[in-house]
Amino acid sequence: MAGHGDLIRALLPSPQIDLAHLVRDDEAFAATVAAAGEIFDPELESAAHWLGGGRSYRGIDGFRRMWLDWLEPWATYHVQVEGIIEEGDRVVVLIRDRGRHHDSDAEVELLAGSVWTVRAGRIARVELYANRDDLFEASGIIRRPSRSRPPLG
């Protein structure tokens, strides 16, 4: 039986997908949500912990709004999963983000992460963190080796 980590990993875009384009494009975002089926709880709560202490959003529209807020300064944005830690109904996703700001030709990298909470087989909460130290401190989840595949490439 697949675990919560496999469920979350299946939702995340491959490193080749430009997340900025995907989230900004109405049709592409709608197709992605449709492909996910009913995996998101209608009352999904999303929290952005990089916005001065955090900001919460509701529903799938709120999830998209959170991403639009984060991606505002980015011309391109790519996410690579580096590890997954499952702990009960929560899944920590360790990611390496890379992107380019609108006013730059240089690409930057961020080591960030998220905590996904699954209840009754649906994603009920997503918390995004701009850095891993904040993620582990706020979530109370202990750093340990990932139970996922090794990083790609």
N, C-alpha and C. Protein backbone atom coordinates (compact mmCIF):
# COMPACT_ATOMS: atom_id res chain seq x y z
N MET A 1 0.84 -1.18 0.00
CA MET A 1 0.00 0.00 0.00
C MET A 1 0.88 1.25 0.00
N ALA A 2 0.54 2.18 -0.83
CA ALA A 2 1.31 3.42 -0.93
C ALA A 2 1.10 4.27 0.32
N GLY A 3 2.18 4.92 0.75
CA GLY A 3 2.09 5.78 1.92
C GLY A 3 1.74 7.21 1.52
N HIS A 4 1.58 8.04 2.54
CA HIS A 4 1.26 9.45 2.29
C HIS A 4 2.36 10.13 1.48
N GLY A 5 3.62 9.74 1.71
CA GLY A 5 4.72 10.33 0.98
C GLY A 5 4.61 10.10 -0.52
N ASP A 6 4.18 8.89 -0.90
CA ASP A 6 4.00 8.59 -2.32
C ASP A 6 2.88 9.44 -2.92
N LEU A 7 1.83 9.66 -2.14
CA LEU A 7 0.71 10.49 -2.58
C LEU A 7 1.19 11.92 -2.86
N ILE A 8 1.94 12.47 -1.94
CA ILE A 8 2.43 13.84 -2.09
C ILE A 8 3.43 13.92 -3.25
N ARG A 9 4.35 12.96 -3.32
CA ARG A 9 5.35 12.97 -4.40
C ARG A 9 4.67 12.97 -5.77
N ALA A 10 3.60 12.23 -5.92
CA ALA A 10 2.89 12.15 -7.20
C ALA A 10 2.27 13.49 -7.60
N LEU A 11 1.98 14.35 -6.63
CA LEU A 11 1.38 15.65 -6.91
C LEU A 11 2.40 16.70 -7.32
N LEU A 12 3.64 16.53 -6.93
CA LEU A 12 4.65 17.56 -7.15
C LEU A 12 5.17 17.52 -8.58
N PRO A 13 5.39 18.69 -9.17
CA PRO A 13 5.86 18.72 -10.56
C PRO A 13 7.29 18.22 -10.68
N SER A 14 7.62 17.71 -11.85
CA SER A 14 9.01 17.29 -12.10
C SER A 14 9.88 18.54 -12.15
N PRO A 15 11.20 18.38 -11.96
CA PRO A 15 12.10 19.54 -11.98
C PRO A 15 12.09 20.29 -13.32
N GLN A 16 11.65 19.65 -14.39
CA GLN A 16 11.62 20.30 -15.70
C GLN A 16 10.43 21.25 -15.86
N ILE A 17 9.42 21.11 -15.03
CA ILE A 17 8.21 21.95 -15.13
C ILE A 17 8.48 23.31 -14.49
N ASP A 18 8.15 24.37 -15.22
CA ASP A 18 8.26 25.72 -14.68
C ASP A 18 7.01 25.99 -13.84
N LEU A 19 7.16 25.93 -12.54
CA LEU A 19 6.03 26.10 -11.63
C LEU A 19 5.40 27.49 -11.76
N ALA A 20 6.22 28.50 -12.05
CA ALA A 20 5.69 29.86 -12.23
C ALA A 20 4.69 29.88 -13.39
N HIS A 21 5.03 29.24 -14.48
CA HIS A 21 4.13 29.19 -15.63
C HIS A 21 2.88 28.37 -15.30
N LEU A 22 3.07 27.21 -14.68
CA LEU A 22 1.96 26.33 -14.36
C LEU A 22 0.92 27.02 -13.47
N VAL A 23 1.37 27.69 -12.43
CA VAL A 23 0.45 28.32 -11.48
C VAL A 23 -0.22 29.55 -12.09
N ARG A 24 0.50 30.29 -12.91
CA ARG A 24 -0.06 31.51 -13.50
C ARG A 24 -1.04 31.22 -14.65
N ASP A 25 -0.89 30.11 -15.32
CA ASP A 25 -1.73 29.77 -16.47
C ASP A 25 -3.03 29.13 -15.98
N ASP A 26 -4.16 29.81 -16.19
CA ASP A 26 -5.46 29.33 -15.70
C ASP A 26 -5.76 27.91 -16.18
N GLU A 27 -5.57 27.66 -17.47
CA GLU A 27 -5.90 26.34 -18.02
C GLU A 27 -4.97 25.26 -17.50
N ALA A 28 -3.67 25.54 -17.43
CA ALA A 28 -2.71 24.56 -16.94
C ALA A 28 -2.98 24.24 -15.47
N PHE A 29 -3.28 25.26 -14.67
CA PHE A 29 -3.55 25.02 -13.26
C PHE A 29 -4.84 24.20 -13.11
N ALA A 30 -5.88 24.55 -13.85
CA ALA A 30 -7.15 23.82 -13.78
C ALA A 30 -6.96 22.36 -14.19
N ALA A 31 -6.16 22.12 -15.22
CA ALA A 31 -5.90 20.74 -15.67
C ALA A 31 -5.15 19.96 -14.60
N THR A 32 -4.21 20.60 -13.94
CA THR A 32 -3.45 19.95 -12.88
C THR A 32 -4.37 19.57 -11.72
N VAL A 33 -5.24 20.47 -11.32
CA VAL A 33 -6.19 20.20 -10.24
C VAL A 33 -7.14 19.07 -10.64
N ALA A 34 -7.63 19.11 -11.88
CA ALA A 34 -8.53 18.07 -12.36
C ALA A 34 -7.84 16.70 -12.35
N ALA A 35 -6.56 16.66 -12.75
CA ALA A 35 -5.81 15.41 -12.77
C ALA A 35 -5.60 14.85 -11.36
N ALA A 36 -5.56 15.74 -10.37
CA ALA A 36 -5.38 15.31 -8.99
C ALA A 36 -6.65 14.67 -8.43
N GLY A 37 -7.77 14.87 -9.10
CA GLY A 37 -9.02 14.28 -8.63
C GLY A 37 -9.47 14.94 -7.34
N GLU A 38 -9.96 14.14 -6.44
CA GLU A 38 -10.50 14.67 -5.18
C GLU A 38 -9.51 14.51 -4.04
N ILE A 39 -8.24 14.61 -4.36
CA ILE A 39 -7.21 14.41 -3.35
C ILE A 39 -7.11 15.58 -2.36
N PHE A 40 -7.58 16.76 -2.78
CA PHE A 40 -7.55 17.92 -1.89
C PHE A 40 -8.87 18.03 -1.14
N ASP A 41 -8.79 18.19 0.16
CA ASP A 41 -9.97 18.45 0.98
C ASP A 41 -10.56 19.79 0.54
N PRO A 42 -11.88 19.89 0.38
CA PRO A 42 -12.47 21.17 -0.04
C PRO A 42 -12.14 22.31 0.92
N GLU A 43 -11.88 22.00 2.18
CA GLU A 43 -11.52 23.01 3.18
C GLU A 43 -10.02 23.12 3.37
N LEU A 44 -9.26 22.70 2.36
CA LEU A 44 -7.80 22.75 2.41
C LEU A 44 -7.32 24.07 3.00
N GLU A 45 -6.41 23.96 3.95
CA GLU A 45 -5.78 25.16 4.52
C GLU A 45 -4.33 25.18 4.07
N SER A 46 -3.89 26.30 3.54
CA SER A 46 -2.51 26.48 3.12
C SER A 46 -1.91 27.61 3.94
N ALA A 47 -0.66 27.43 4.35
CA ALA A 47 0.00 28.45 5.16
C ALA A 47 1.37 28.77 4.57
N ALA A 48 1.62 30.05 4.39
CA ALA A 48 2.89 30.54 3.89
C ALA A 48 3.67 31.10 5.07
N HIS A 49 4.70 30.42 5.48
CA HIS A 49 5.45 30.83 6.67
C HIS A 49 6.61 31.76 6.37
N TRP A 50 6.67 32.28 5.19
CA TRP A 50 7.72 33.24 4.87
C TRP A 50 7.19 34.66 4.86
N LEU A 51 5.89 34.84 5.00
CA LEU A 51 5.27 36.16 4.91
C LEU A 51 5.10 36.78 6.30
N GLY A 52 6.20 37.15 6.92
CA GLY A 52 6.16 37.84 8.20
C GLY A 52 5.36 37.14 9.28
N GLY A 53 5.69 35.90 9.55
CA GLY A 53 5.00 35.17 10.59
C GLY A 53 3.92 34.25 10.06
N GLY A 54 3.65 34.31 8.79
CA GLY A 54 2.72 33.37 8.20
C GLY A 54 1.42 34.01 7.78
N ARG A 55 0.84 33.42 6.76
CA ARG A 55 -0.45 33.85 6.26
C ARG A 55 -1.18 32.59 5.82
N SER A 56 -2.48 32.51 6.11
CA SER A 56 -3.26 31.33 5.76
C SER A 56 -4.21 31.61 4.62
N TYR A 57 -4.48 30.56 3.86
CA TYR A 57 -5.36 30.60 2.70
C TYR A 57 -6.31 29.41 2.81
N ARG A 58 -7.49 29.48 2.18
CA ARG A 58 -8.48 28.40 2.24
C ARG A 58 -8.84 27.89 0.86
N GLY A 59 -9.06 26.58 0.77
CA GLY A 59 -9.52 25.95 -0.45
C GLY A 59 -8.45 25.89 -1.52
N ILE A 60 -8.79 25.27 -2.65
CA ILE A 60 -7.83 25.15 -3.75
C ILE A 60 -7.51 26.51 -4.35
N ASP A 61 -8.50 27.43 -4.35
CA ASP A 61 -8.22 28.79 -4.83
C ASP A 61 -7.22 29.49 -3.92
N GLY A 62 -7.33 29.25 -2.61
CA GLY A 62 -6.37 29.81 -1.67
C GLY A 62 -4.98 29.21 -1.86
N PHE A 63 -4.93 27.92 -2.15
CA PHE A 63 -3.65 27.25 -2.41
C PHE A 63 -2.97 27.92 -3.61
N ARG A 64 -3.74 28.17 -4.66
CA ARG A 64 -3.19 28.83 -5.83
C ARG A 64 -2.77 30.27 -5.49
N ARG A 65 -3.58 30.99 -4.73
CA ARG A 65 -3.26 32.37 -4.34
C ARG A 65 -1.95 32.41 -3.56
N MET A 66 -1.75 31.44 -2.66
CA MET A 66 -0.51 31.38 -1.89
C MET A 66 0.68 31.26 -2.84
N TRP A 67 0.57 30.37 -3.82
CA TRP A 67 1.65 30.20 -4.77
C TRP A 67 1.85 31.44 -5.63
N LEU A 68 0.76 32.07 -6.07
CA LEU A 68 0.87 33.29 -6.86
C LEU A 68 1.58 34.39 -6.06
N ASP A 69 1.27 34.48 -4.77
CA ASP A 69 1.94 35.47 -3.91
C ASP A 69 3.44 35.19 -3.85
N TRP A 70 3.80 33.93 -3.64
CA TRP A 70 5.21 33.56 -3.54
C TRP A 70 5.93 33.78 -4.87
N LEU A 71 5.28 33.44 -5.96
CA LEU A 71 5.93 33.47 -7.28
C LEU A 71 5.95 34.86 -7.93
N GLU A 72 5.33 35.84 -7.30
CA GLU A 72 5.23 37.17 -7.90
C GLU A 72 6.57 37.70 -8.43
N PRO A 73 7.67 37.63 -7.66
CA PRO A 73 8.92 38.20 -8.19
C PRO A 73 9.67 37.26 -9.15
N TRP A 74 9.20 36.05 -9.33
CA TRP A 74 9.94 35.05 -10.09
C TRP A 74 9.46 34.97 -11.54
N ALA A 75 10.40 35.00 -12.48
CA ALA A 75 10.08 34.78 -13.90
C ALA A 75 9.98 33.29 -14.18
N THR A 76 10.88 32.51 -13.57
CA THR A 76 10.85 31.05 -13.69
C THR A 76 11.06 30.46 -12.30
N TYR A 77 10.54 29.24 -12.09
CA TYR A 77 10.67 28.60 -10.78
C TYR A 77 10.53 27.09 -10.95
N HIS A 78 11.53 26.36 -10.49
CA HIS A 78 11.55 24.90 -10.62
C HIS A 78 11.79 24.28 -9.24
N VAL A 79 11.17 23.14 -9.02
CA VAL A 79 11.24 22.46 -7.73
C VAL A 79 11.76 21.04 -7.94
N GLN A 80 12.74 20.65 -7.13
CA GLN A 80 13.24 19.28 -7.16
C GLN A 80 13.13 18.69 -5.76
N VAL A 81 12.45 17.57 -5.65
CA VAL A 81 12.31 16.89 -4.37
C VAL A 81 13.64 16.22 -4.03
N GLU A 82 14.15 16.53 -2.84
CA GLU A 82 15.39 15.91 -2.38
C GLU A 82 15.14 14.85 -1.34
N GLY A 83 13.99 14.90 -0.69
CA GLY A 83 13.69 13.89 0.32
C GLY A 83 12.29 14.03 0.84
N ILE A 84 11.80 12.92 1.38
CA ILE A 84 10.46 12.89 1.97
C ILE A 84 10.57 12.19 3.31
N ILE A 85 9.98 12.80 4.33
CA ILE A 85 9.94 12.20 5.66
C ILE A 85 8.47 12.06 6.05
N GLU A 86 8.04 10.85 6.31
CA GLU A 86 6.66 10.60 6.73
C GLU A 86 6.63 10.45 8.25
N GLU A 87 5.69 11.14 8.87
CA GLU A 87 5.51 11.02 10.32
C GLU A 87 4.01 11.09 10.61
N GLY A 88 3.40 9.93 10.77
CA GLY A 88 1.97 9.88 11.01
C GLY A 88 1.20 10.42 9.83
N ASP A 89 0.34 11.41 10.10
CA ASP A 89 -0.47 11.99 9.03
C ASP A 89 0.23 13.16 8.34
N ARG A 90 1.49 13.42 8.71
CA ARG A 90 2.24 14.53 8.10
C ARG A 90 3.38 14.01 7.24
N VAL A 91 3.64 14.75 6.18
CA VAL A 91 4.73 14.42 5.26
C VAL A 91 5.56 15.69 5.07
N VAL A 92 6.85 15.58 5.37
CA VAL A 92 7.78 16.69 5.13
C VAL A 92 8.42 16.45 3.77
N VAL A 93 8.39 17.47 2.94
CA VAL A 93 9.03 17.40 1.62
C VAL A 93 10.19 18.39 1.62
N LEU A 94 11.39 17.87 1.43
CA LEU A 94 12.59 18.70 1.35
C LEU A 94 12.84 18.97 -0.13
N ILE A 95 12.90 20.24 -0.47
CA ILE A 95 13.04 20.60 -1.88
C ILE A 95 14.22 21.53 -2.11
N ARG A 96 14.70 21.48 -3.31
CA ARG A 96 15.72 22.42 -3.80
C ARG A 96 15.03 23.21 -4.90
N ASP A 97 14.75 24.47 -4.61
CA ASP A 97 14.10 25.35 -5.58
C ASP A 97 15.18 26.10 -6.35
N ARG A 98 14.90 26.34 -7.61
CA ARG A 98 15.78 27.21 -8.39
C ARG A 98 14.89 28.08 -9.25
N GLY A 99 15.27 29.33 -9.35
CA GLY A 99 14.45 30.25 -10.12
C GLY A 99 15.22 31.48 -10.52
N ARG A 100 14.55 32.28 -11.34
CA ARG A 100 15.14 33.52 -11.83
C ARG A 100 14.12 34.63 -11.63
N HIS A 101 14.57 35.72 -10.99
CA HIS A 101 13.71 36.89 -10.81
C HIS A 101 13.47 37.57 -12.16
N HIS A 102 12.37 38.32 -12.25
CA HIS A 102 12.01 39.02 -13.47
C HIS A 102 13.12 39.95 -13.96
N ASP A 103 13.83 40.58 -13.05
CA ASP A 103 14.82 41.59 -13.42
C ASP A 103 16.26 41.05 -13.44
N SER A 104 16.41 39.73 -13.63
CA SER A 104 17.74 39.14 -13.56
C SER A 104 17.91 38.04 -14.60
N ASP A 105 19.16 37.83 -14.98
CA ASP A 105 19.50 36.70 -15.84
C ASP A 105 20.08 35.55 -15.02
N ALA A 106 20.38 35.83 -13.76
CA ALA A 106 21.01 34.83 -12.89
C ALA A 106 19.94 33.97 -12.21
N GLU A 107 20.23 32.69 -12.12
CA GLU A 107 19.34 31.77 -11.43
C GLU A 107 19.84 31.61 -9.99
N VAL A 108 18.92 31.55 -9.05
CA VAL A 108 19.27 31.36 -7.64
C VAL A 108 18.67 30.04 -7.15
N GLU A 109 19.26 29.52 -6.07
CA GLU A 109 18.77 28.27 -5.48
C GLU A 109 18.35 28.51 -4.04
N LEU A 110 17.32 27.81 -3.62
CA LEU A 110 16.84 27.85 -2.24
C LEU A 110 16.68 26.43 -1.76
N LEU A 111 17.09 26.17 -0.52
CA LEU A 111 16.80 24.89 0.12
C LEU A 111 15.61 25.13 1.01
N ALA A 112 14.48 24.64 0.62
CA ALA A 112 13.22 24.93 1.29
C ALA A 112 12.50 23.63 1.61
N GLY A 113 11.24 23.77 2.02
CA GLY A 113 10.47 22.57 2.31
C GLY A 113 9.03 22.88 2.63
N SER A 114 8.29 21.81 2.80
CA SER A 114 6.87 21.93 3.10
C SER A 114 6.44 20.79 3.99
N VAL A 115 5.33 21.02 4.68
CA VAL A 115 4.71 19.98 5.50
C VAL A 115 3.28 19.82 5.00
N TRP A 116 2.93 18.60 4.61
CA TRP A 116 1.61 18.28 4.09
C TRP A 116 0.91 17.39 5.11
N THR A 117 -0.32 17.71 5.45
CA THR A 117 -1.10 16.90 6.39
C THR A 117 -2.21 16.21 5.62
N VAL A 118 -2.29 14.89 5.79
CA VAL A 118 -3.29 14.07 5.10
C VAL A 118 -4.26 13.54 6.15
N ARG A 119 -5.55 13.76 5.89
CA ARG A 119 -6.61 13.23 6.76
C ARG A 119 -7.65 12.54 5.90
N ALA A 120 -8.03 11.34 6.29
CA ALA A 120 -9.04 10.57 5.56
C ALA A 120 -8.71 10.47 4.07
N GLY A 121 -7.41 10.31 3.75
CA GLY A 121 -6.98 10.13 2.38
C GLY A 121 -6.94 11.39 1.54
N ARG A 122 -7.18 12.55 2.15
CA ARG A 122 -7.16 13.82 1.43
C ARG A 122 -6.16 14.78 2.06
N ILE A 123 -5.62 15.66 1.22
CA ILE A 123 -4.69 16.66 1.73
C ILE A 123 -5.51 17.75 2.40
N ALA A 124 -5.28 17.92 3.71
CA ALA A 124 -6.06 18.87 4.50
C ALA A 124 -5.31 20.16 4.78
N ARG A 125 -3.97 20.09 4.77
CA ARG A 125 -3.17 21.27 5.11
C ARG A 125 -1.83 21.19 4.39
N VAL A 126 -1.38 22.35 3.92
CA VAL A 126 -0.05 22.48 3.31
C VAL A 126 0.61 23.69 3.94
N GLU A 127 1.83 23.49 4.45
CA GLU A 127 2.61 24.59 5.04
C GLU A 127 3.91 24.71 4.26
N LEU A 128 4.17 25.89 3.71
CA LEU A 128 5.39 26.12 2.94
C LEU A 128 6.37 26.96 3.76
N TYR A 129 7.63 26.57 3.71
CA TYR A 129 8.69 27.26 4.43
C TYR A 129 9.79 27.64 3.46
N ALA A 130 10.34 28.83 3.64
CA ALA A 130 11.41 29.32 2.76
C ALA A 130 12.76 28.71 3.09
N ASN A 131 12.89 28.11 4.28
CA ASN A 131 14.14 27.42 4.59
C ASN A 131 13.86 26.24 5.52
N ARG A 132 14.76 25.31 5.50
CA ARG A 132 14.56 24.05 6.23
C ARG A 132 14.67 24.20 7.75
N ASP A 133 15.52 25.11 8.22
CA ASP A 133 15.62 25.30 9.66
C ASP A 133 14.27 25.71 10.24
N ASP A 134 13.60 26.67 9.59
CA ASP A 134 12.28 27.10 10.05
C ASP A 134 11.28 25.95 9.98
N LEU A 135 11.35 25.16 8.92
CA LEU A 135 10.44 24.03 8.76
C LEU A 135 10.56 23.07 9.94
N PHE A 136 11.77 22.64 10.25
CA PHE A 136 11.95 21.66 11.33
C PHE A 136 11.63 22.26 12.70
N GLU A 137 11.98 23.51 12.91
CA GLU A 137 11.69 24.15 14.19
C GLU A 137 10.18 24.28 14.40
N ALA A 138 9.47 24.76 13.40
CA ALA A 138 8.03 25.00 13.54
C ALA A 138 7.22 23.71 13.57
N SER A 139 7.63 22.72 12.80
CA SER A 139 6.83 21.49 12.70
C SER A 139 7.07 20.54 13.86
N GLY A 140 8.24 20.64 14.48
CA GLY A 140 8.57 19.70 15.55
C GLY A 140 8.99 18.34 15.03
N ILE A 141 9.04 18.19 13.72
CA ILE A 141 9.48 16.93 13.13
C ILE A 141 11.00 16.90 13.20
N ILE A 142 11.53 15.78 13.58
CA ILE A 142 12.97 15.63 13.77
C ILE A 142 13.63 15.30 12.44
N ARG A 143 14.74 15.99 12.18
CA ARG A 143 15.50 15.69 10.96
C ARG A 143 16.02 14.26 11.05
N ARG A 144 15.83 13.54 9.97
CA ARG A 144 16.39 12.20 9.88
C ARG A 144 16.54 11.86 8.40
N PRO A 145 17.30 10.84 8.11
CA PRO A 145 17.46 10.49 6.69
C PRO A 145 16.10 10.22 6.05
N SER A 146 15.97 10.63 4.82
CA SER A 146 14.74 10.46 4.07
C SER A 146 14.49 9.00 3.74
N ARG A 147 13.21 8.66 3.64
CA ARG A 147 12.83 7.33 3.21
C ARG A 147 12.46 7.33 1.73
N SER A 148 12.96 8.31 1.02
CA SER A 148 12.63 8.41 -0.40
C SER A 148 13.83 8.01 -1.24
N ARG A 149 13.63 8.07 -2.53
CA ARG A 149 14.72 7.79 -3.47
C ARG A 149 15.81 8.83 -3.31
N PRO A 150 17.03 8.48 -3.71
CA PRO A 150 18.10 9.50 -3.68
C PRO A 150 17.78 10.63 -4.65
N PRO A 151 18.39 11.81 -4.46
CA PRO A 151 18.14 12.93 -5.36
C PRO A 151 18.44 12.57 -6.79
N LEU A 152 17.71 13.19 -7.69
CA LEU A 152 17.94 12.98 -9.12
C LEU A 152 19.16 13.76 -9.57
N GLY A 153 19.84 13.21 -10.57
CA GLY A 153 20.93 13.89 -11.27
C GLY A 153 21.83 14.62 -10.41
